[in-house]
Amino acid sequence: MNHTGMILGMAAVTVFIKATIFVLGGRIAFPPLLQQALGFVPVTVLTAIIVPMVLAPGGEAMELTWRNPQLVASIIAILVCAATRKQLLTIAIALITFFGWQFGVLQ
């Protein structure tokens, strides 16, 4: 199967699901347990995307060393966020750490 067909198929499925939910809207009532479970979906998806990028930035083997700028910046971001609970500060310090580590330490 070519990539274009696969992307168009995924787009069609996504549009169908979203359109169905939009059209049916208030007529469907989800049980409270399902509503609570759906609240965790964004965090779970974001984690599934970010963790492989941090631990294996080359896409091959895990790189758990101090020479991995994604890992170092992620650890710093976790510490800053836990200490301050300020999102913008966390993002700024993590980006400064990432680029400083990548261009300063690795060269």
PDB file of N, CA and C in Angstrom:
ATOM      1  N   MET A   1       0.848  -1.182   0.000  1.00  0.00           N
ATOM      2  CA  MET A   1       0.000   0.000   0.000  1.00  0.00           C
ATOM      3  C   MET A   1       0.889   1.240   0.000  1.00  0.00           C
ATOM      4  N   ASN A   2       0.549   2.173  -0.832  1.00  0.00           N
ATOM      5  CA  ASN A   2       1.376   3.369  -0.892  1.00  0.00           C
ATOM      6  C   ASN A   2       1.035   4.322   0.263  1.00  0.00           C
ATOM      7  N   HIS A   3       1.932   5.236   0.492  1.00  0.00           N
ATOM      8  CA  HIS A   3       1.779   6.152   1.624  1.00  0.00           C
ATOM      9  C   HIS A   3       0.583   7.086   1.453  1.00  0.00           C
ATOM     10  N   THR A   4       0.337   7.529   0.242  1.00  0.00           N
ATOM     11  CA  THR A   4      -0.784   8.442   0.009  1.00  0.00           C
ATOM     12  C   THR A   4      -2.113   7.783   0.337  1.00  0.00           C
ATOM     13  N   GLY A   5      -2.284   6.535  -0.101  1.00  0.00           N
ATOM     14  CA  GLY A   5      -3.518   5.810   0.208  1.00  0.00           C
ATOM     15  C   GLY A   5      -3.696   5.595   1.697  1.00  0.00           C
ATOM     16  N   MET A   6      -2.596   5.302   2.387  1.00  0.00           N
ATOM     17  CA  MET A   6      -2.662   5.095   3.826  1.00  0.00           C
ATOM     18  C   MET A   6      -3.048   6.396   4.545  1.00  0.00           C
ATOM     19  N   ILE A   7      -2.455   7.497   4.143  1.00  0.00           N
ATOM     20  CA  ILE A   7      -2.768   8.786   4.768  1.00  0.00           C
ATOM     21  C   ILE A   7      -4.218   9.180   4.488  1.00  0.00           C
ATOM     22  N   LEU A   8      -4.682   8.974   3.258  1.00  0.00           N
ATOM     23  CA  LEU A   8      -6.074   9.291   2.934  1.00  0.00           C
ATOM     24  C   LEU A   8      -7.042   8.401   3.710  1.00  0.00           C
ATOM     25  N   GLY A   9      -6.687   7.138   3.883  1.00  0.00           N
ATOM     26  CA  GLY A   9      -7.524   6.236   4.673  1.00  0.00           C
ATOM     27  C   GLY A   9      -7.614   6.664   6.128  1.00  0.00           C
ATOM     28  N   MET A  10      -6.473   7.039   6.713  1.00  0.00           N
ATOM     29  CA  MET A  10      -6.477   7.505   8.105  1.00  0.00           C
ATOM     30  C   MET A  10      -7.274   8.797   8.243  1.00  0.00           C
ATOM     31  N   ALA A  11      -7.158   9.675   7.251  1.00  0.00           N
ATOM     32  CA  ALA A  11      -7.924  10.921   7.289  1.00  0.00           C
ATOM     33  C   ALA A  11      -9.420  10.634   7.207  1.00  0.00           C
ATOM     34  N   ALA A  12      -9.808   9.697   6.354  1.00  0.00           N
ATOM     35  CA  ALA A  12     -11.228   9.360   6.215  1.00  0.00           C
ATOM     36  C   ALA A  12     -11.787   8.782   7.506  1.00  0.00           C
ATOM     37  N   VAL A  13     -11.034   7.908   8.143  1.00  0.00           N
ATOM     38  CA  VAL A  13     -11.489   7.323   9.412  1.00  0.00           C
ATOM     39  C   VAL A  13     -11.617   8.404  10.473  1.00  0.00           C
ATOM     40  N   THR A  14     -10.642   9.291  10.541  1.00  0.00           N
ATOM     41  CA  THR A  14     -10.675  10.369  11.536  1.00  0.00           C
ATOM     42  C   THR A  14     -11.867  11.291  11.301  1.00  0.00           C
ATOM     43  N   VAL A  15     -12.090  11.695  10.058  1.00  0.00           N
ATOM     44  CA  VAL A  15     -13.223  12.580   9.745  1.00  0.00           C
ATOM     45  C   VAL A  15     -14.537  11.888  10.071  1.00  0.00           C
ATOM     46  N   PHE A  16     -14.655  10.594   9.747  1.00  0.00           N
ATOM     47  CA  PHE A  16     -15.885   9.860  10.036  1.00  0.00           C
ATOM     48  C   PHE A  16     -16.168   9.827  11.534  1.00  0.00           C
ATOM     49  N   ILE A  17     -15.152   9.523  12.331  1.00  0.00           N
ATOM     50  CA  ILE A  17     -15.344   9.444  13.782  1.00  0.00           C
ATOM     51  C   ILE A  17     -15.729  10.808  14.346  1.00  0.00           C
ATOM     52  N   LYS A  18     -15.004  11.840  13.947  1.00  0.00           N
ATOM     53  CA  LYS A  18     -15.302  13.182  14.473  1.00  0.00           C
ATOM     54  C   LYS A  18     -16.666  13.673  14.003  1.00  0.00           C
ATOM     55  N   ALA A  19     -17.026  13.409  12.754  1.00  0.00           N
ATOM     56  CA  ALA A  19     -18.330  13.832  12.236  1.00  0.00           C
ATOM     57  C   ALA A  19     -19.455  13.107  12.959  1.00  0.00           C
ATOM     58  N   THR A  20     -19.267  11.820  13.229  1.00  0.00           N
ATOM     59  CA  THR A  20     -20.286  11.059  13.945  1.00  0.00           C
ATOM     60  C   THR A  20     -20.508  11.633  15.342  1.00  0.00           C
ATOM     61  N   ILE A  21     -19.444  11.912  16.038  1.00  0.00           N
ATOM     62  CA  ILE A  21     -19.557  12.472  17.387  1.00  0.00           C
ATOM     63  C   ILE A  21     -20.202  13.860  17.323  1.00  0.00           C
ATOM     64  N   PHE A  22     -19.823  14.669  16.314  1.00  0.00           N
ATOM     65  CA  PHE A  22     -20.374  16.013  16.182  1.00  0.00           C
ATOM     66  C   PHE A  22     -21.872  15.960  15.870  1.00  0.00           C
ATOM     67  N   VAL A  23     -22.275  15.070  14.956  1.00  0.00           N
ATOM     68  CA  VAL A  23     -23.683  14.983  14.560  1.00  0.00           C
ATOM     69  C   VAL A  23     -24.533  14.440  15.698  1.00  0.00           C
ATOM     70  N   LEU A  24     -24.040  13.402  16.363  1.00  0.00           N
ATOM     71  CA  LEU A  24     -24.827  12.804  17.443  1.00  0.00           C
ATOM     72  C   LEU A  24     -24.779  13.640  18.720  1.00  0.00           C
ATOM     73  N   GLY A  25     -23.701  14.357  18.890  1.00  0.00           N
ATOM     74  CA  GLY A  25     -23.539  15.313  19.979  1.00  0.00           C
ATOM     75  C   GLY A  25     -24.135  14.939  21.309  1.00  0.00           C
ATOM     76  N   GLY A  26     -25.173  15.631  21.699  1.00  0.00           N
ATOM     77  CA  GLY A  26     -25.774  15.456  23.010  1.00  0.00           C
ATOM     78  C   GLY A  26     -26.680  14.242  23.128  1.00  0.00           C
ATOM     79  N   ARG A  27     -26.914  13.543  22.033  1.00  0.00           N
ATOM     80  CA  ARG A  27     -27.809  12.388  22.103  1.00  0.00           C
ATOM     81  C   ARG A  27     -27.147  11.164  22.715  1.00  0.00           C
ATOM     82  N   ILE A  28     -25.838  11.154  22.754  1.00  0.00           N
ATOM     83  CA  ILE A  28     -25.124  10.028  23.346  1.00  0.00           C
ATOM     84  C   ILE A  28     -24.602  10.454  24.712  1.00  0.00           C
ATOM     85  N   ALA A  29     -24.907   9.658  25.717  1.00  0.00           N
ATOM     86  CA  ALA A  29     -24.406   9.940  27.069  1.00  0.00           C
ATOM     87  C   ALA A  29     -23.415   8.848  27.450  1.00  0.00           C
ATOM     88  N   PHE A  30     -22.181   9.258  27.681  1.00  0.00           N
ATOM     89  CA  PHE A  30     -21.160   8.307  28.092  1.00  0.00           C
ATOM     90  C   PHE A  30     -21.274   8.048  29.588  1.00  0.00           C
ATOM     91  N   PRO A  31     -21.017   6.830  30.015  1.00  0.00           N
ATOM     92  CA  PRO A  31     -21.008   6.550  31.452  1.00  0.00           C
ATOM     93  C   PRO A  31     -19.909   7.359  32.152  1.00  0.00           C
ATOM     94  N   PRO A  32     -20.084   7.686  33.419  1.00  0.00           N
ATOM     95  CA  PRO A  32     -19.082   8.497  34.132  1.00  0.00           C
ATOM     96  C   PRO A  32     -17.686   7.872  34.125  1.00  0.00           C
ATOM     97  N   LEU A  33     -17.607   6.555  34.214  1.00  0.00           N
ATOM     98  CA  LEU A  33     -16.295   5.902  34.218  1.00  0.00           C
ATOM     99  C   LEU A  33     -15.589   6.105  32.878  1.00  0.00           C
ATOM    100  N   LEU A  34     -16.316   6.017  31.772  1.00  0.00           N
ATOM    101  CA  LEU A  34     -15.735   6.241  30.448  1.00  0.00           C
ATOM    102  C   LEU A  34     -15.331   7.702  30.275  1.00  0.00           C
ATOM    103  N   GLN A  35     -16.139   8.625  30.771  1.00  0.00           N
ATOM    104  CA  GLN A  35     -15.786  10.043  30.698  1.00  0.00           C
ATOM    105  C   GLN A  35     -14.500  10.317  31.466  1.00  0.00           C
ATOM    106  N   GLN A  36     -14.366   9.689  32.624  1.00  0.00           N
ATOM    107  CA  GLN A  36     -13.154   9.869  33.413  1.00  0.00           C
ATOM    108  C   GLN A  36     -11.952   9.276  32.681  1.00  0.00           C
ATOM    109  N   ALA A  37     -12.139   8.102  32.080  1.00  0.00           N
ATOM    110  CA  ALA A  37     -11.046   7.456  31.354  1.00  0.00           C
ATOM    111  C   ALA A  37     -10.627   8.277  30.138  1.00  0.00           C
ATOM    112  N   LEU A  38     -11.577   8.876  29.441  1.00  0.00           N
ATOM    113  CA  LEU A  38     -11.255   9.691  28.269  1.00  0.00           C
ATOM    114  C   LEU A  38     -10.460  10.940  28.636  1.00  0.00           C
ATOM    115  N   GLY A  39     -10.549  11.372  29.868  1.00  0.00           N
ATOM    116  CA  GLY A  39      -9.761  12.516  30.323  1.00  0.00           C
ATOM    117  C   GLY A  39      -8.263  12.243  30.328  1.00  0.00           C
ATOM    118  N   PHE A  40      -7.883  10.965  30.365  1.00  0.00           N
ATOM    119  CA  PHE A  40      -6.467  10.601  30.385  1.00  0.00           C
ATOM    120  C   PHE A  40      -5.887  10.400  28.985  1.00  0.00           C
ATOM    121  N   VAL A  41      -6.709  10.421  27.961  1.00  0.00           N
ATOM    122  CA  VAL A  41      -6.236  10.144  26.604  1.00  0.00           C
ATOM    123  C   VAL A  41      -5.181  11.156  26.131  1.00  0.00           C
ATOM    124  N   PRO A  42      -5.376  12.459  26.273  1.00  0.00           N
ATOM    125  CA  PRO A  42      -4.344  13.387  25.786  1.00  0.00           C
ATOM    126  C   PRO A  42      -2.990  13.188  26.457  1.00  0.00           C
ATOM    127  N   VAL A  43      -2.976  12.960  27.755  1.00  0.00           N
ATOM    128  CA  VAL A  43      -1.713  12.755  28.465  1.00  0.00           C
ATOM    129  C   VAL A  43      -1.042  11.471  27.983  1.00  0.00           C
ATOM    130  N   THR A  44      -1.829  10.432  27.778  1.00  0.00           N
ATOM    131  CA  THR A  44      -1.290   9.156  27.340  1.00  0.00           C
ATOM    132  C   THR A  44      -0.711   9.255  25.929  1.00  0.00           C
ATOM    133  N   VAL A  45      -1.421   9.905  25.039  1.00  0.00           N
ATOM    134  CA  VAL A  45      -0.938  10.044  23.661  1.00  0.00           C
ATOM    135  C   VAL A  45       0.323  10.899  23.621  1.00  0.00           C
ATOM    136  N   LEU A  46       0.335  11.995  24.351  1.00  0.00           N
ATOM    137  CA  LEU A  46       1.516  12.852  24.389  1.00  0.00           C
ATOM    138  C   LEU A  46       2.726  12.102  24.938  1.00  0.00           C
ATOM    139  N   THR A  47       2.516  11.311  25.978  1.00  0.00           N
ATOM    140  CA  THR A  47       3.602  10.512  26.547  1.00  0.00           C
ATOM    141  C   THR A  47       4.105   9.493  25.541  1.00  0.00           C
ATOM    142  N   ALA A  48       3.206   8.853  24.826  1.00  0.00           N
ATOM    143  CA  ALA A  48       3.595   7.852  23.827  1.00  0.00           C
ATOM    144  C   ALA A  48       4.382   8.470  22.678  1.00  0.00           C
ATOM    145  N   ILE A  49       4.166   9.733  22.408  1.00  0.00           N
ATOM    146  CA  ILE A  49       4.915  10.406  21.343  1.00  0.00           C
ATOM    147  C   ILE A  49       6.267  10.894  21.848  1.00  0.00           C
ATOM    148  N   ILE A  50       6.298  11.461  23.051  1.00  0.00           N
ATOM    149  CA  ILE A  50       7.509  12.114  23.539  1.00  0.00           C
ATOM    150  C   ILE A  50       8.562  11.137  24.051  1.00  0.00           C
ATOM    151  N   VAL A  51       8.162  10.126  24.803  1.00  0.00           N
ATOM    152  CA  VAL A  51       9.141   9.237  25.444  1.00  0.00           C
ATOM    153  C   VAL A  51      10.079   8.561  24.434  1.00  0.00           C
ATOM    154  N   PRO A  52       9.588   7.984  23.341  1.00  0.00           N
ATOM    155  CA  PRO A  52      10.539   7.402  22.385  1.00  0.00           C
ATOM    156  C   PRO A  52      11.488   8.430  21.779  1.00  0.00           C
ATOM    157  N   MET A  53      10.996   9.663  21.574  1.00  0.00           N
ATOM    158  CA  MET A  53      11.858  10.698  21.015  1.00  0.00           C
ATOM    159  C   MET A  53      12.955  11.107  21.995  1.00  0.00           C
ATOM    160  N   VAL A  54      12.662  11.028  23.273  1.00  0.00           N
ATOM    161  CA  VAL A  54      13.640  11.415  24.288  1.00  0.00           C
ATOM    162  C   VAL A  54      14.648  10.295  24.530  1.00  0.00           C
ATOM    163  N   LEU A  55      14.164   9.072  24.647  1.00  0.00           N
ATOM    164  CA  LEU A  55      15.047   7.961  24.996  1.00  0.00           C
ATOM    165  C   LEU A  55      15.826   7.400  23.814  1.00  0.00           C
ATOM    166  N   ALA A  56      15.270   7.488  22.616  1.00  0.00           N
ATOM    167  CA  ALA A  56      15.948   6.984  21.418  1.00  0.00           C
ATOM    168  C   ALA A  56      15.840   8.024  20.312  1.00  0.00           C
ATOM    169  N   PRO A  57      16.575   9.124  20.422  1.00  0.00           N
ATOM    170  CA  PRO A  57      16.411  10.212  19.453  1.00  0.00           C
ATOM    171  C   PRO A  57      16.784   9.836  18.030  1.00  0.00           C
ATOM    172  N   GLY A  58      17.650   8.852  17.850  1.00  0.00           N
ATOM    173  CA  GLY A  58      18.022   8.419  16.511  1.00  0.00           C
ATOM    174  C   GLY A  58      17.038   7.424  15.925  1.00  0.00           C
ATOM    175  N   GLY A  59      16.119   6.950  16.746  1.00  0.00           N
ATOM    176  CA  GLY A  59      15.145   5.984  16.284  1.00  0.00           C
ATOM    177  C   GLY A  59      15.636   4.554  16.327  1.00  0.00           C
ATOM    178  N   GLU A  60      16.813   4.335  16.852  1.00  0.00           N
ATOM    179  CA  GLU A  60      17.357   2.983  16.885  1.00  0.00           C
ATOM    180  C   GLU A  60      17.409   2.490  18.326  1.00  0.00           C
ATOM    181  N   ALA A  61      18.591   2.477  18.919  1.00  0.00           N
ATOM    182  CA  ALA A  61      18.750   2.001  20.292  1.00  0.00           C
ATOM    183  C   ALA A  61      18.537   3.148  21.274  1.00  0.00           C
ATOM    184  N   MET A  62      18.225   2.773  22.518  1.00  0.00           N
ATOM    185  CA  MET A  62      18.053   3.799  23.552  1.00  0.00           C
ATOM    186  C   MET A  62      19.400   4.446  23.848  1.00  0.00           C
ATOM    187  N   GLU A  63      19.363   5.742  24.069  1.00  0.00           N
ATOM    188  CA  GLU A  63      20.577   6.509  24.335  1.00  0.00           C
ATOM    189  C   GLU A  63      20.447   7.156  25.717  1.00  0.00           C
ATOM    190  N   LEU A  64      20.800   6.413  26.734  1.00  0.00           N
ATOM    191  CA  LEU A  64      20.659   6.884  28.113  1.00  0.00           C
ATOM    192  C   LEU A  64      21.996   7.398  28.640  1.00  0.00           C
ATOM    193  N   THR A  65      22.527   8.417  27.978  1.00  0.00           N
ATOM    194  CA  THR A  65      23.798   9.003  28.389  1.00  0.00           C
ATOM    195  C   THR A  65      23.631  10.509  28.556  1.00  0.00           C
ATOM    196  N   TRP A  66      24.613  11.123  29.156  1.00  0.00           N
ATOM    197  CA  TRP A  66      24.580  12.565  29.347  1.00  0.00           C
ATOM    198  C   TRP A  66      24.782  13.306  28.026  1.00  0.00           C
ATOM    199  N   ARG A  67      25.170  12.595  26.962  1.00  0.00           N
ATOM    200  CA  ARG A  67      25.374  13.217  25.654  1.00  0.00           C
ATOM    201  C   ARG A  67      24.084  13.314  24.846  1.00  0.00           C
ATOM    202  N   ASN A  68      22.963  12.881  25.407  1.00  0.00           N
ATOM    203  CA  ASN A  68      21.654  12.962  24.749  1.00  0.00           C
ATOM    204  C   ASN A  68      20.977  14.259  25.194  1.00  0.00           C
ATOM    205  N   PRO A  69      20.955  15.288  24.345  1.00  0.00           N
ATOM    206  CA  PRO A  69      20.393  16.576  24.768  1.00  0.00           C
ATOM    207  C   PRO A  69      18.890  16.513  25.065  1.00  0.00           C
ATOM    208  N   GLN A  70      18.156  15.637  24.371  1.00  0.00           N
ATOM    209  CA  GLN A  70      16.727  15.500  24.649  1.00  0.00           C
ATOM    210  C   GLN A  70      16.495  14.971  26.060  1.00  0.00           C
ATOM    211  N   LEU A  71      17.285  13.993  26.460  1.00  0.00           N
ATOM    212  CA  LEU A  71      17.146  13.404  27.793  1.00  0.00           C
ATOM    213  C   LEU A  71      17.516  14.402  28.879  1.00  0.00           C
ATOM    214  N   VAL A  72      18.620  15.104  28.689  1.00  0.00           N
ATOM    215  CA  VAL A  72      19.064  16.089  29.686  1.00  0.00           C
ATOM    216  C   VAL A  72      18.033  17.205  29.822  1.00  0.00           C
ATOM    217  N   ALA A  73      17.540  17.730  28.691  1.00  0.00           N
ATOM    218  CA  ALA A  73      16.545  18.806  28.743  1.00  0.00           C
ATOM    219  C   ALA A  73      15.236  18.319  29.357  1.00  0.00           C
ATOM    220  N   SER A  74      14.867  17.080  29.107  1.00  0.00           N
ATOM    221  CA  SER A  74      13.635  16.532  29.691  1.00  0.00           C
ATOM    222  C   SER A  74      13.752  16.408  31.210  1.00  0.00           C
ATOM    223  N   ILE A  75      14.882  15.941  31.672  1.00  0.00           N
ATOM    224  CA  ILE A  75      15.089  15.823  33.121  1.00  0.00           C
ATOM    225  C   ILE A  75      15.048  17.203  33.773  1.00  0.00           C
ATOM    226  N   ILE A  76      15.717  18.179  33.157  1.00  0.00           N
ATOM    227  CA  ILE A  76      15.693  19.554  33.677  1.00  0.00           C
ATOM    228  C   ILE A  76      14.262  20.093  33.667  1.00  0.00           C
ATOM    229  N   ALA A  77      13.507  19.836  32.594  1.00  0.00           N
ATOM    230  CA  ALA A  77      12.126  20.314  32.506  1.00  0.00           C
ATOM    231  C   ALA A  77      11.255  19.717  33.603  1.00  0.00           C
ATOM    232  N   ILE A  78      11.444  18.435  33.871  1.00  0.00           N
ATOM    233  CA  ILE A  78      10.673  17.787  34.946  1.00  0.00           C
ATOM    234  C   ILE A  78      10.993  18.420  36.287  1.00  0.00           C
ATOM    235  N   LEU A  79      12.267  18.664  36.541  1.00  0.00           N
ATOM    236  CA  LEU A  79      12.670  19.261  37.821  1.00  0.00           C
ATOM    237  C   LEU A  79      12.147  20.691  37.966  1.00  0.00           C
ATOM    238  N   VAL A  80      12.262  21.488  36.902  1.00  0.00           N
ATOM    239  CA  VAL A  80      11.791  22.878  36.953  1.00  0.00           C
ATOM    240  C   VAL A  80      10.272  22.917  37.132  1.00  0.00           C
ATOM    241  N   CYS A  81       9.571  22.065  36.404  1.00  0.00           N
ATOM    242  CA  CYS A  81       8.112  22.038  36.511  1.00  0.00           C
ATOM    243  C   CYS A  81       7.675  21.610  37.909  1.00  0.00           C
ATOM    244  N   ALA A  82       8.339  20.611  38.474  1.00  0.00           N
ATOM    245  CA  ALA A  82       7.984  20.143  39.816  1.00  0.00           C
ATOM    246  C   ALA A  82       8.271  21.221  40.863  1.00  0.00           C
ATOM    247  N   ALA A  83       9.323  21.997  40.647  1.00  0.00           N
ATOM    248  CA  ALA A  83       9.698  23.009  41.627  1.00  0.00           C
ATOM    249  C   ALA A  83       8.863  24.281  41.509  1.00  0.00           C
ATOM    250  N   THR A  84       8.536  24.702  40.282  1.00  0.00           N
ATOM    251  CA  THR A  84       7.886  26.006  40.108  1.00  0.00           C
ATOM    252  C   THR A  84       6.431  25.945  39.667  1.00  0.00           C
ATOM    253  N   ARG A  85       6.041  24.899  38.960  1.00  0.00           N
ATOM    254  CA  ARG A  85       4.683  24.757  38.392  1.00  0.00           C
ATOM    255  C   ARG A  85       4.362  25.887  37.418  1.00  0.00           C
ATOM    256  N   LYS A  86       5.383  26.440  36.766  1.00  0.00           N
ATOM    257  CA  LYS A  86       5.195  27.513  35.785  1.00  0.00           C
ATOM    258  C   LYS A  86       5.556  26.974  34.404  1.00  0.00           C
ATOM    259  N   GLN A  87       4.548  26.883  33.526  1.00  0.00           N
ATOM    260  CA  GLN A  87       4.741  26.255  32.221  1.00  0.00           C
ATOM    261  C   GLN A  87       5.708  27.025  31.332  1.00  0.00           C
ATOM    262  N   LEU A  88       5.551  28.319  31.222  1.00  0.00           N
ATOM    263  CA  LEU A  88       6.411  29.105  30.343  1.00  0.00           C
ATOM    264  C   LEU A  88       7.864  29.058  30.797  1.00  0.00           C
ATOM    265  N   LEU A  89       8.083  29.152  32.103  1.00  0.00           N
ATOM    266  CA  LEU A  89       9.441  29.056  32.638  1.00  0.00           C
ATOM    267  C   LEU A  89      10.030  27.678  32.343  1.00  0.00           C
ATOM    268  N   THR A  90       9.224  26.638  32.504  1.00  0.00           N
ATOM    269  CA  THR A  90       9.679  25.277  32.234  1.00  0.00           C
ATOM    270  C   THR A  90      10.083  25.119  30.776  1.00  0.00           C
ATOM    271  N   ILE A  91       9.241  25.615  29.867  1.00  0.00           N
ATOM    272  CA  ILE A  91       9.543  25.510  28.437  1.00  0.00           C
ATOM    273  C   ILE A  91      10.799  26.285  28.088  1.00  0.00           C
ATOM    274  N   ALA A  92      10.931  27.499  28.618  1.00  0.00           N
ATOM    275  CA  ALA A  92      12.092  28.334  28.308  1.00  0.00           C
ATOM    276  C   ALA A  92      13.384  27.690  28.800  1.00  0.00           C
ATOM    277  N   ILE A  93      13.385  27.221  30.026  1.00  0.00           N
ATOM    278  CA  ILE A  93      14.602  26.617  30.574  1.00  0.00           C
ATOM    279  C   ILE A  93      14.931  25.313  29.864  1.00  0.00           C
ATOM    280  N   ALA A  94      13.904  24.528  29.520  1.00  0.00           N
ATOM    281  CA  ALA A  94      14.151  23.274  28.797  1.00  0.00           C
ATOM    282  C   ALA A  94      14.737  23.544  27.414  1.00  0.00           C
ATOM    283  N   LEU A  95      14.216  24.555  26.707  1.00  0.00           N
ATOM    284  CA  LEU A  95      14.766  24.885  25.387  1.00  0.00           C
ATOM    285  C   LEU A  95      16.187  25.413  25.476  1.00  0.00           C
ATOM    286  N   ILE A  96      16.437  26.268  26.453  1.00  0.00           N
ATOM    287  CA  ILE A  96      17.800  26.789  26.641  1.00  0.00           C
ATOM    288  C   ILE A  96      18.750  25.633  26.956  1.00  0.00           C
ATOM    289  N   THR A  97      18.316  24.719  27.817  1.00  0.00           N
ATOM    290  CA  THR A  97      19.136  23.565  28.161  1.00  0.00           C
ATOM    291  C   THR A  97      19.386  22.690  26.940  1.00  0.00           C
ATOM    292  N   PHE A  98      18.330  22.415  26.183  1.00  0.00           N
ATOM    293  CA  PHE A  98      18.473  21.557  25.009  1.00  0.00           C
ATOM    294  C   PHE A  98      19.460  22.136  24.006  1.00  0.00           C
ATOM    295  N   PHE A  99      19.225  23.387  23.604  1.00  0.00           N
ATOM    296  CA  PHE A  99      20.100  23.978  22.590  1.00  0.00           C
ATOM    297  C   PHE A  99      21.502  24.229  23.128  1.00  0.00           C
ATOM    298  N   GLY A 100      21.602  24.651  24.377  1.00  0.00           N
ATOM    299  CA  GLY A 100      22.930  24.823  24.970  1.00  0.00           C
ATOM    300  C   GLY A 100      23.686  23.514  25.049  1.00  0.00           C
ATOM    301  N   TRP A 101      22.999  22.467  25.427  1.00  0.00           N
ATOM    302  CA  TRP A 101      23.626  21.141  25.537  1.00  0.00           C
ATOM    303  C   TRP A 101      24.008  20.619  24.152  1.00  0.00           C
ATOM    304  N   GLN A 102      23.108  20.794  23.201  1.00  0.00           N
ATOM    305  CA  GLN A 102      23.358  20.267  21.858  1.00  0.00           C
ATOM    306  C   GLN A 102      24.509  20.993  21.165  1.00  0.00           C
ATOM    307  N   PHE A 103      24.533  22.312  21.274  1.00  0.00           N
ATOM    308  CA  PHE A 103      25.549  23.077  20.541  1.00  0.00           C
ATOM    309  C   PHE A 103      26.792  23.358  21.387  1.00  0.00           C
ATOM    310  N   GLY A 104      26.684  23.314  22.689  1.00  0.00           N
ATOM    311  CA  GLY A 104      27.827  23.595  23.539  1.00  0.00           C
ATOM    312  C   GLY A 104      28.599  22.359  23.943  1.00  0.00           C
ATOM    313  N   VAL A 105      27.922  21.399  24.497  1.00  0.00           N
ATOM    314  CA  VAL A 105      28.571  20.208  25.040  1.00  0.00           C
ATOM    315  C   VAL A 105      28.973  19.246  23.942  1.00  0.00           C
ATOM    316  N   LEU A 106      28.151  19.103  22.930  1.00  0.00           N
ATOM    317  CA  LEU A 106      28.395  18.082  21.908  1.00  0.00           C
ATOM    318  C   LEU A 106      29.354  18.499  20.811  1.00  0.00           C
ATOM    319  N   GLN A 107      29.847  19.726  20.852  1.00  0.00           N
ATOM    320  CA  GLN A 107      30.765  20.122  19.788  1.00  0.00           C
ATOM    321  C   GLN A 107      32.157  20.270  20.300  1.00  0.00           C
TER     322      GLN A 107
END
